[in-house]
């Protein structure tokens, strides 16, 4: 009889066109549990090539100026990268404030993402700038070989110290 009831429940669920769900757990602290793909769990290593995945996190860097070229060196934490290092060389047009350059994101395991970036000043409130960069992923190494996608970086820059910090979000496809 028990197998008949279990079989009926499976059949009814399949015919209903919905998947069974587990109850939602609540946390006493009110904090949300991040999905595995954001916490560095199994979902990161199970990402399929060719699938478009969310890509987001935070970064902080120091920006040094050498003529029109701005060099960024920093760190951060995010999806598909874990703890990462970040470096960029961006040539800035001093008249318009727009910048073009290249970026390298290096994951915790050494795999890299390469991107071309275009940035602009969103807000100028001396000594702080708010910047937005649109980065187009042009490839990478290791699991990012053949990667593509777009990343939006929003960051603030203190012109007096060269310190910059912000967040990024976008989509990444891990290739074929």
N, C-alpha and C. Protein backbone atom coordinates (compact mmCIF):
# COMPACT_ATOMS: atom_id res chain seq x y z
N UNK A 1 0.82 -1.19 0.00
CA UNK A 1 0.00 0.00 0.00
C UNK A 1 0.88 1.27 0.00
N UNK A 2 1.98 1.24 0.79
CA UNK A 2 2.86 2.40 0.88
C UNK A 2 3.42 2.74 -0.50
N UNK A 3 3.86 1.74 -1.28
CA UNK A 3 4.42 1.99 -2.60
C UNK A 3 3.37 2.55 -3.56
N UNK A 4 2.13 2.14 -3.39
CA UNK A 4 1.05 2.66 -4.21
C UNK A 4 0.84 4.15 -3.95
N UNK A 5 0.88 4.56 -2.67
CA UNK A 5 0.70 5.96 -2.30
C UNK A 5 1.88 6.79 -2.82
N UNK A 6 3.11 6.28 -2.65
CA UNK A 6 4.29 7.00 -3.14
C UNK A 6 4.22 7.14 -4.66
N UNK A 7 3.87 6.07 -5.33
CA UNK A 7 3.74 6.11 -6.78
C UNK A 7 2.69 7.10 -7.22
N UNK A 8 1.55 7.14 -6.54
CA UNK A 8 0.49 8.10 -6.86
C UNK A 8 0.99 9.53 -6.69
N UNK A 9 1.74 9.81 -5.59
CA UNK A 9 2.26 11.17 -5.35
C UNK A 9 3.22 11.59 -6.46
N UNK A 10 4.11 10.69 -6.88
CA UNK A 10 5.04 11.00 -7.95
C UNK A 10 4.28 11.26 -9.24
N UNK A 11 3.30 10.41 -9.54
CA UNK A 11 2.48 10.57 -10.75
C UNK A 11 1.72 11.89 -10.72
N UNK A 12 1.12 12.23 -9.59
CA UNK A 12 0.33 13.46 -9.48
C UNK A 12 1.21 14.69 -9.64
N UNK A 13 2.41 14.64 -9.05
CA UNK A 13 3.33 15.76 -9.18
C UNK A 13 3.77 15.94 -10.62
N UNK A 14 4.08 14.85 -11.31
CA UNK A 14 4.52 14.91 -12.70
C UNK A 14 3.41 15.45 -13.59
N UNK A 15 2.18 15.03 -13.34
CA UNK A 15 1.06 15.48 -14.17
C UNK A 15 0.69 16.94 -13.89
N UNK A 16 0.98 17.42 -12.70
CA UNK A 16 0.63 18.79 -12.34
C UNK A 16 1.53 19.80 -13.04
N UNK A 17 2.70 19.35 -13.54
CA UNK A 17 3.60 20.25 -14.25
C UNK A 17 4.40 21.15 -13.34
N UNK A 18 4.42 20.90 -12.05
CA UNK A 18 5.22 21.68 -11.12
C UNK A 18 6.18 20.77 -10.40
N UNK A 19 7.26 21.37 -9.93
CA UNK A 19 8.24 20.61 -9.18
C UNK A 19 7.94 20.74 -7.70
N UNK A 20 8.16 19.68 -6.94
CA UNK A 20 7.98 19.82 -5.50
C UNK A 20 9.05 20.77 -4.95
N UNK A 21 8.71 21.49 -3.92
CA UNK A 21 9.66 22.42 -3.32
C UNK A 21 9.82 22.10 -1.85
N UNK A 22 10.96 22.48 -1.33
CA UNK A 22 11.21 22.30 0.09
C UNK A 22 10.74 23.53 0.83
N UNK A 23 10.40 23.38 2.10
CA UNK A 23 10.01 24.56 2.87
C UNK A 23 11.17 25.53 2.98
N UNK A 24 10.87 26.80 3.09
CA UNK A 24 11.89 27.82 3.22
C UNK A 24 12.29 27.94 4.68
N UNK A 25 13.60 27.86 4.91
CA UNK A 25 14.09 28.01 6.27
C UNK A 25 14.30 29.48 6.56
N UNK A 26 14.04 29.88 7.80
CA UNK A 26 14.30 31.27 8.18
C UNK A 26 15.47 31.29 9.13
N UNK A 27 16.22 32.36 9.08
CA UNK A 27 17.37 32.52 9.94
C UNK A 27 17.03 33.51 11.03
N UNK A 28 17.48 33.21 12.23
CA UNK A 28 17.17 34.10 13.33
C UNK A 28 17.83 35.46 13.16
N UNK A 29 18.97 35.51 12.48
CA UNK A 29 19.65 36.79 12.27
C UNK A 29 19.04 37.59 11.14
N UNK A 30 18.21 36.96 10.33
CA UNK A 30 17.60 37.65 9.21
C UNK A 30 18.48 37.66 7.98
N UNK A 31 19.69 37.07 8.05
CA UNK A 31 20.59 37.05 6.91
C UNK A 31 20.15 36.00 5.91
N UNK A 32 20.36 36.28 4.65
CA UNK A 32 20.00 35.33 3.61
C UNK A 32 21.16 34.39 3.34
N UNK A 33 20.86 33.17 2.99
CA UNK A 33 21.87 32.21 2.60
C UNK A 33 22.11 32.40 1.12
N UNK A 34 23.37 32.69 0.71
CA UNK A 34 23.62 32.90 -0.72
C UNK A 34 23.54 31.59 -1.47
N UNK A 35 23.15 31.64 -2.75
CA UNK A 35 23.16 30.43 -3.57
C UNK A 35 24.58 29.89 -3.65
N UNK A 36 24.71 28.60 -3.94
CA UNK A 36 26.03 27.99 -4.02
C UNK A 36 26.94 28.69 -4.99
N UNK A 37 26.40 29.20 -6.10
CA UNK A 37 27.25 29.84 -7.09
C UNK A 37 27.89 31.11 -6.57
N UNK A 38 27.32 31.72 -5.51
CA UNK A 38 27.89 32.93 -4.95
C UNK A 38 28.79 32.63 -3.77
N UNK A 39 28.64 31.48 -3.16
CA UNK A 39 29.41 31.20 -1.96
C UNK A 39 30.62 30.34 -2.23
N UNK A 40 30.90 30.06 -3.51
CA UNK A 40 32.07 29.26 -3.84
C UNK A 40 31.81 27.78 -3.71
N UNK A 41 30.56 27.37 -3.63
CA UNK A 41 30.21 25.97 -3.47
C UNK A 41 30.24 25.22 -4.78
N UNK A 42 29.61 24.07 -4.79
CA UNK A 42 29.67 23.14 -5.92
C UNK A 42 29.18 23.74 -7.23
N UNK A 43 28.25 24.68 -7.18
CA UNK A 43 27.70 25.21 -8.42
C UNK A 43 28.76 25.91 -9.26
N UNK A 44 29.78 26.48 -8.63
CA UNK A 44 30.83 27.15 -9.38
C UNK A 44 31.59 26.15 -10.23
N UNK A 45 31.96 25.01 -9.66
CA UNK A 45 32.74 24.04 -10.41
C UNK A 45 31.90 23.25 -11.39
N UNK A 46 30.58 23.29 -11.27
CA UNK A 46 29.71 22.55 -12.16
C UNK A 46 29.20 23.38 -13.33
N UNK A 47 29.65 24.62 -13.46
CA UNK A 47 29.19 25.47 -14.55
C UNK A 47 29.54 24.83 -15.88
N UNK A 48 28.60 24.83 -16.79
CA UNK A 48 28.77 24.21 -18.09
C UNK A 48 29.31 25.19 -19.10
N UNK A 49 30.22 24.73 -19.95
CA UNK A 49 30.70 25.58 -21.03
C UNK A 49 29.54 25.96 -21.93
N UNK A 50 29.55 27.18 -22.40
CA UNK A 50 28.50 27.66 -23.28
C UNK A 50 27.31 28.23 -22.54
N UNK A 51 27.23 28.01 -21.22
CA UNK A 51 26.10 28.55 -20.47
C UNK A 51 26.40 29.97 -20.03
N UNK A 52 25.40 30.83 -20.06
CA UNK A 52 25.56 32.21 -19.64
C UNK A 52 25.23 32.27 -18.16
N UNK A 53 26.18 32.76 -17.36
CA UNK A 53 26.06 32.74 -15.92
C UNK A 53 26.14 34.15 -15.35
N UNK A 54 25.46 34.40 -14.22
CA UNK A 54 25.61 35.69 -13.57
C UNK A 54 27.04 35.84 -13.04
N UNK A 55 27.53 37.07 -13.04
CA UNK A 55 28.90 37.36 -12.66
C UNK A 55 28.86 38.63 -11.83
N UNK A 56 29.16 38.55 -10.53
CA UNK A 56 29.08 39.74 -9.69
C UNK A 56 29.96 39.64 -8.47
N UNK A 57 30.27 40.79 -7.89
CA UNK A 57 31.09 40.85 -6.70
C UNK A 57 31.52 42.26 -6.39
N UNK A 58 32.55 42.37 -5.55
CA UNK A 58 33.08 43.66 -5.11
C UNK A 58 34.57 43.71 -5.37
N UNK A 59 35.09 44.92 -5.53
CA UNK A 59 36.52 45.08 -5.72
C UNK A 59 36.99 46.38 -5.10
N UNK A 60 38.27 46.41 -4.79
CA UNK A 60 38.93 47.62 -4.32
C UNK A 60 40.32 47.62 -4.94
N UNK A 61 40.81 48.83 -5.24
CA UNK A 61 42.10 48.94 -5.92
C UNK A 61 42.73 50.28 -5.60
N UNK A 62 43.97 50.41 -6.02
CA UNK A 62 44.68 51.68 -5.99
C UNK A 62 44.92 52.07 -7.44
N UNK A 63 44.62 53.33 -7.74
CA UNK A 63 44.79 53.83 -9.10
C UNK A 63 45.94 54.81 -9.13
N UNK A 64 46.96 54.48 -9.93
CA UNK A 64 48.12 55.35 -10.09
C UNK A 64 48.08 55.94 -11.50
N UNK A 65 48.45 57.20 -11.61
CA UNK A 65 48.39 57.91 -12.89
C UNK A 65 49.80 58.12 -13.42
N UNK A 66 49.98 57.78 -14.71
CA UNK A 66 51.25 57.99 -15.41
C UNK A 66 50.91 58.66 -16.74
N UNK A 67 50.83 59.99 -16.72
CA UNK A 67 50.38 60.72 -17.91
C UNK A 67 48.89 60.46 -18.11
N UNK A 68 48.54 60.01 -19.30
CA UNK A 68 47.13 59.73 -19.60
C UNK A 68 46.73 58.30 -19.19
N UNK A 69 47.72 57.47 -18.82
CA UNK A 69 47.43 56.07 -18.49
C UNK A 69 47.22 55.92 -16.98
N UNK A 70 46.10 55.30 -16.63
CA UNK A 70 45.76 55.02 -15.24
C UNK A 70 45.95 53.52 -15.01
N UNK A 71 46.80 53.18 -14.04
CA UNK A 71 47.08 51.78 -13.70
C UNK A 71 46.31 51.43 -12.42
N UNK A 72 45.51 50.38 -12.48
CA UNK A 72 44.79 49.91 -11.31
C UNK A 72 45.34 48.56 -10.89
N UNK A 73 45.52 48.39 -9.59
CA UNK A 73 45.94 47.11 -9.02
C UNK A 73 45.11 46.90 -7.77
N UNK A 74 44.41 45.76 -7.70
CA UNK A 74 43.54 45.55 -6.55
C UNK A 74 43.14 44.11 -6.35
N UNK A 75 42.16 43.95 -5.49
CA UNK A 75 41.64 42.64 -5.11
C UNK A 75 40.13 42.71 -5.01
N UNK A 76 39.52 41.55 -4.85
CA UNK A 76 38.08 41.50 -4.66
C UNK A 76 37.63 40.09 -4.39
N UNK A 77 36.32 39.93 -4.35
CA UNK A 77 35.70 38.64 -4.12
C UNK A 77 34.42 38.58 -4.94
N UNK A 78 34.23 37.49 -5.67
CA UNK A 78 33.03 37.41 -6.48
C UNK A 78 32.76 36.02 -7.03
N UNK A 79 31.64 35.91 -7.71
CA UNK A 79 31.23 34.65 -8.30
C UNK A 79 32.21 34.20 -9.37
N UNK A 80 32.44 32.91 -9.44
CA UNK A 80 33.28 32.25 -10.44
C UNK A 80 34.76 32.61 -10.33
N UNK A 81 35.10 33.49 -9.37
CA UNK A 81 36.49 33.89 -9.18
C UNK A 81 36.98 33.57 -7.77
N UNK A 82 36.10 33.64 -6.77
CA UNK A 82 36.53 33.58 -5.38
C UNK A 82 37.29 34.85 -5.07
N UNK A 83 38.32 34.74 -4.22
CA UNK A 83 39.21 35.88 -3.97
C UNK A 83 40.03 36.08 -5.25
N UNK A 84 40.05 37.30 -5.76
CA UNK A 84 40.76 37.52 -7.02
C UNK A 84 41.64 38.75 -6.94
N UNK A 85 42.54 38.86 -7.92
CA UNK A 85 43.30 40.10 -8.11
C UNK A 85 42.81 40.74 -9.40
N UNK A 86 42.99 42.03 -9.47
CA UNK A 86 42.45 42.84 -10.56
C UNK A 86 43.52 43.80 -11.02
N UNK A 87 43.77 43.87 -12.31
CA UNK A 87 44.70 44.87 -12.83
C UNK A 87 44.14 45.45 -14.12
N UNK A 88 44.37 46.74 -14.31
CA UNK A 88 43.85 47.41 -15.51
C UNK A 88 44.81 48.52 -15.90
N UNK A 89 44.89 48.75 -17.18
CA UNK A 89 45.58 49.91 -17.75
C UNK A 89 44.56 50.63 -18.62
N UNK A 90 44.23 51.85 -18.22
CA UNK A 90 43.18 52.60 -18.89
C UNK A 90 43.73 53.96 -19.32
N UNK A 91 43.62 54.26 -20.60
CA UNK A 91 44.03 55.56 -21.12
C UNK A 91 42.82 56.49 -21.03
N UNK A 92 42.99 57.60 -20.31
CA UNK A 92 41.89 58.52 -20.05
C UNK A 92 42.07 59.80 -20.85
N UNK A 93 41.01 60.19 -21.54
CA UNK A 93 40.98 61.46 -22.25
C UNK A 93 40.67 62.54 -21.21
N UNK A 94 41.65 63.38 -20.92
CA UNK A 94 41.49 64.39 -19.86
C UNK A 94 40.40 65.42 -20.19
N UNK A 95 40.08 65.62 -21.47
CA UNK A 95 39.04 66.56 -21.86
C UNK A 95 37.64 66.03 -21.54
N UNK A 96 37.40 64.75 -21.84
CA UNK A 96 36.06 64.18 -21.68
C UNK A 96 35.91 63.32 -20.43
N UNK A 97 37.04 62.84 -19.89
CA UNK A 97 36.98 61.94 -18.74
C UNK A 97 36.71 60.49 -19.12
N UNK A 98 36.55 60.22 -20.42
CA UNK A 98 36.30 58.85 -20.86
C UNK A 98 37.62 58.09 -20.94
N UNK A 99 37.53 56.78 -20.67
CA UNK A 99 38.72 55.96 -20.70
C UNK A 99 38.53 54.68 -21.47
N UNK A 100 39.59 54.21 -22.11
CA UNK A 100 39.61 52.94 -22.83
C UNK A 100 40.83 52.16 -22.35
N UNK A 101 40.65 50.84 -22.19
CA UNK A 101 41.80 50.07 -21.75
C UNK A 101 41.55 48.59 -21.70
N UNK A 102 42.46 47.92 -21.01
CA UNK A 102 42.38 46.47 -20.86
C UNK A 102 42.41 46.10 -19.38
N UNK A 103 41.77 44.96 -19.07
CA UNK A 103 41.63 44.50 -17.70
C UNK A 103 41.98 43.02 -17.63
N UNK A 104 42.61 42.62 -16.53
CA UNK A 104 42.84 41.20 -16.25
C UNK A 104 42.30 40.89 -14.87
N UNK A 105 41.36 39.95 -14.81
CA UNK A 105 40.82 39.42 -13.56
C UNK A 105 41.51 38.08 -13.34
N UNK A 106 42.16 37.86 -12.20
CA UNK A 106 42.85 36.61 -11.92
C UNK A 106 42.17 35.92 -10.74
N UNK A 107 41.58 34.75 -11.01
CA UNK A 107 40.85 33.99 -10.00
C UNK A 107 41.80 33.43 -8.95
N UNK A 108 41.22 32.92 -7.88
CA UNK A 108 41.99 32.36 -6.77
C UNK A 108 42.93 31.25 -7.23
N UNK A 109 42.54 30.48 -8.25
CA UNK A 109 43.37 29.36 -8.72
C UNK A 109 44.33 29.77 -9.84
N UNK A 110 44.35 31.05 -10.23
CA UNK A 110 45.27 31.52 -11.27
C UNK A 110 44.65 31.65 -12.64
N UNK A 111 43.45 31.10 -12.87
CA UNK A 111 42.78 31.28 -14.16
C UNK A 111 42.47 32.77 -14.35
N UNK A 112 42.54 33.24 -15.59
CA UNK A 112 42.36 34.66 -15.86
C UNK A 112 41.22 34.93 -16.84
N UNK A 113 40.62 36.10 -16.68
CA UNK A 113 39.63 36.65 -17.61
C UNK A 113 40.23 37.93 -18.17
N UNK A 114 40.17 38.07 -19.50
CA UNK A 114 40.66 39.28 -20.16
C UNK A 114 39.46 40.08 -20.66
N UNK A 115 39.53 41.41 -20.52
CA UNK A 115 38.42 42.25 -20.97
C UNK A 115 38.94 43.57 -21.51
N UNK A 116 38.17 44.12 -22.44
CA UNK A 116 38.38 45.49 -22.93
C UNK A 116 37.37 46.36 -22.18
N UNK A 117 37.79 47.54 -21.77
CA UNK A 117 36.91 48.38 -20.97
C UNK A 117 36.75 49.77 -21.57
N UNK A 118 35.57 50.32 -21.36
CA UNK A 118 35.26 51.71 -21.71
C UNK A 118 34.59 52.31 -20.49
N UNK A 119 35.15 53.40 -19.97
CA UNK A 119 34.60 54.01 -18.76
C UNK A 119 34.29 55.47 -18.94
N UNK A 120 33.46 55.96 -18.03
CA UNK A 120 33.12 57.38 -18.04
C UNK A 120 32.80 57.85 -16.64
N UNK A 121 32.93 59.15 -16.43
CA UNK A 121 32.59 59.76 -15.15
C UNK A 121 31.08 59.92 -15.07
N UNK A 122 30.50 59.41 -14.01
CA UNK A 122 29.06 59.53 -13.80
C UNK A 122 28.76 60.73 -12.90
N UNK A 123 29.62 60.96 -11.91
CA UNK A 123 29.42 62.06 -10.97
C UNK A 123 30.78 62.57 -10.51
N UNK A 124 30.94 63.90 -10.48
CA UNK A 124 32.17 64.50 -10.01
C UNK A 124 31.84 65.37 -8.82
N UNK A 125 32.34 64.99 -7.65
CA UNK A 125 32.14 65.74 -6.41
C UNK A 125 33.49 65.77 -5.71
N UNK A 126 34.35 66.72 -6.12
CA UNK A 126 35.74 66.75 -5.66
C UNK A 126 35.83 66.53 -4.16
N UNK A 127 36.71 65.64 -3.74
CA UNK A 127 37.74 64.93 -4.50
C UNK A 127 37.30 63.55 -5.01
N UNK A 128 36.01 63.28 -5.02
CA UNK A 128 35.54 61.96 -5.41
C UNK A 128 34.90 61.94 -6.79
N UNK A 129 35.18 60.87 -7.51
CA UNK A 129 34.55 60.61 -8.80
C UNK A 129 33.74 59.32 -8.66
N UNK A 130 32.59 59.28 -9.30
CA UNK A 130 31.86 58.03 -9.46
C UNK A 130 32.00 57.64 -10.91
N UNK A 131 32.48 56.43 -11.15
CA UNK A 131 32.79 55.96 -12.49
C UNK A 131 31.95 54.74 -12.84
N UNK A 132 31.66 54.59 -14.12
CA UNK A 132 31.00 53.37 -14.62
C UNK A 132 31.81 52.89 -15.81
N UNK A 133 32.17 51.61 -15.75
CA UNK A 133 32.90 50.98 -16.84
C UNK A 133 32.06 49.86 -17.42
N UNK A 134 32.08 49.75 -18.73
CA UNK A 134 31.49 48.60 -19.40
C UNK A 134 32.64 47.79 -19.95
N UNK A 135 32.74 46.55 -19.48
CA UNK A 135 33.83 45.68 -19.91
C UNK A 135 33.28 44.55 -20.77
N UNK A 136 33.94 44.30 -21.88
CA UNK A 136 33.58 43.21 -22.78
C UNK A 136 34.65 42.14 -22.63
N UNK A 137 34.23 40.95 -22.20
CA UNK A 137 35.16 39.85 -22.00
C UNK A 137 35.65 39.36 -23.36
N UNK A 138 36.98 39.28 -23.49
CA UNK A 138 37.59 38.89 -24.77
C UNK A 138 38.25 37.52 -24.73
N UNK A 139 38.17 36.83 -23.61
CA UNK A 139 38.77 35.50 -23.48
C UNK A 139 39.35 35.30 -22.10
N UNK A 140 40.23 34.31 -22.01
CA UNK A 140 40.85 34.03 -20.73
C UNK A 140 41.71 32.79 -20.79
N UNK A 141 42.10 32.31 -19.63
CA UNK A 141 42.91 31.11 -19.51
C UNK A 141 42.20 30.11 -18.61
N UNK A 142 42.64 28.85 -18.66
CA UNK A 142 42.04 27.82 -17.81
C UNK A 142 40.57 27.66 -18.12
N UNK A 143 39.74 27.62 -17.08
CA UNK A 143 38.29 27.43 -17.30
C UNK A 143 37.64 28.62 -18.01
N UNK A 144 38.36 29.75 -18.10
CA UNK A 144 37.84 30.93 -18.79
C UNK A 144 38.32 31.02 -20.24
N UNK A 145 39.02 30.00 -20.73
CA UNK A 145 39.47 29.97 -22.12
C UNK A 145 38.23 30.05 -23.03
N UNK A 146 38.18 31.00 -23.92
CA UNK A 146 37.04 31.17 -24.82
C UNK A 146 35.85 31.88 -24.19
N UNK A 147 36.03 32.44 -22.98
CA UNK A 147 34.93 33.12 -22.30
C UNK A 147 34.51 34.37 -23.06
N UNK A 148 33.25 34.74 -22.87
CA UNK A 148 32.72 35.98 -23.43
C UNK A 148 31.68 36.52 -22.45
N UNK A 149 31.26 37.74 -22.68
CA UNK A 149 30.24 38.34 -21.82
C UNK A 149 30.49 39.81 -21.61
N UNK A 150 29.69 40.39 -20.73
CA UNK A 150 29.78 41.82 -20.42
C UNK A 150 29.73 42.02 -18.92
N UNK A 151 30.55 42.94 -18.43
CA UNK A 151 30.62 43.27 -17.00
C UNK A 151 30.43 44.77 -16.86
N UNK A 152 29.59 45.18 -15.93
CA UNK A 152 29.44 46.60 -15.59
C UNK A 152 30.10 46.82 -14.24
N UNK A 153 31.07 47.71 -14.19
CA UNK A 153 31.78 48.04 -12.95
C UNK A 153 31.36 49.44 -12.53
N UNK A 154 30.83 49.57 -11.33
CA UNK A 154 30.51 50.87 -10.74
C UNK A 154 31.45 51.06 -9.56
N UNK A 155 32.23 52.15 -9.59
CA UNK A 155 33.19 52.36 -8.52
C UNK A 155 33.35 53.84 -8.23
N UNK A 156 33.83 54.12 -7.03
CA UNK A 156 34.16 55.50 -6.65
C UNK A 156 35.67 55.60 -6.53
N UNK A 157 36.18 56.76 -6.86
CA UNK A 157 37.62 57.02 -6.83
C UNK A 157 37.88 58.29 -6.03
N UNK A 158 38.76 58.18 -5.04
CA UNK A 158 39.21 59.33 -4.28
C UNK A 158 40.44 59.88 -4.99
N UNK A 159 40.33 61.06 -5.58
CA UNK A 159 41.42 61.64 -6.36
C UNK A 159 42.64 61.98 -5.51
N UNK A 160 42.44 62.20 -4.22
CA UNK A 160 43.56 62.56 -3.35
C UNK A 160 44.40 61.36 -2.94
N UNK A 161 43.76 60.20 -2.76
CA UNK A 161 44.48 59.01 -2.30
C UNK A 161 44.72 57.98 -3.40
N UNK A 162 43.92 58.02 -4.46
CA UNK A 162 44.00 57.01 -5.51
C UNK A 162 43.27 55.73 -5.17
N UNK A 163 42.60 55.71 -4.01
CA UNK A 163 41.84 54.52 -3.63
C UNK A 163 40.51 54.48 -4.36
N UNK A 164 40.16 53.31 -4.85
CA UNK A 164 38.90 53.13 -5.55
C UNK A 164 38.24 51.84 -5.06
N UNK A 165 36.93 51.83 -5.00
CA UNK A 165 36.19 50.65 -4.55
C UNK A 165 34.83 50.65 -5.21
N UNK A 166 34.29 49.45 -5.40
CA UNK A 166 32.97 49.38 -6.01
C UNK A 166 32.51 47.96 -6.17
N UNK A 167 31.55 47.81 -7.05
CA UNK A 167 30.97 46.50 -7.31
C UNK A 167 30.86 46.30 -8.82
N UNK A 168 30.65 45.04 -9.19
CA UNK A 168 30.48 44.73 -10.60
C UNK A 168 29.38 43.68 -10.73
N UNK A 169 28.75 43.68 -11.90
CA UNK A 169 27.75 42.66 -12.21
C UNK A 169 27.68 42.51 -13.72
N UNK A 170 27.25 41.36 -14.14
CA UNK A 170 27.15 41.11 -15.56
C UNK A 170 26.87 39.64 -15.82
N UNK A 171 27.22 39.19 -17.02
CA UNK A 171 27.01 37.81 -17.43
C UNK A 171 28.28 37.32 -18.10
N UNK A 172 28.59 36.04 -17.86
CA UNK A 172 29.76 35.43 -18.47
C UNK A 172 29.36 34.10 -19.07
N UNK A 173 29.83 33.85 -20.27
CA UNK A 173 29.66 32.56 -20.91
C UNK A 173 31.03 31.91 -20.95
N UNK A 174 31.12 30.67 -20.48
CA UNK A 174 32.41 30.01 -20.34
C UNK A 174 32.91 29.37 -21.62
N UNK A 175 32.36 29.72 -22.75
CA UNK A 175 32.87 29.24 -24.04
C UNK A 175 32.15 27.99 -24.53
N UNK A 176 32.77 27.31 -25.51
CA UNK A 176 32.14 26.17 -26.15
C UNK A 176 32.00 25.00 -25.22
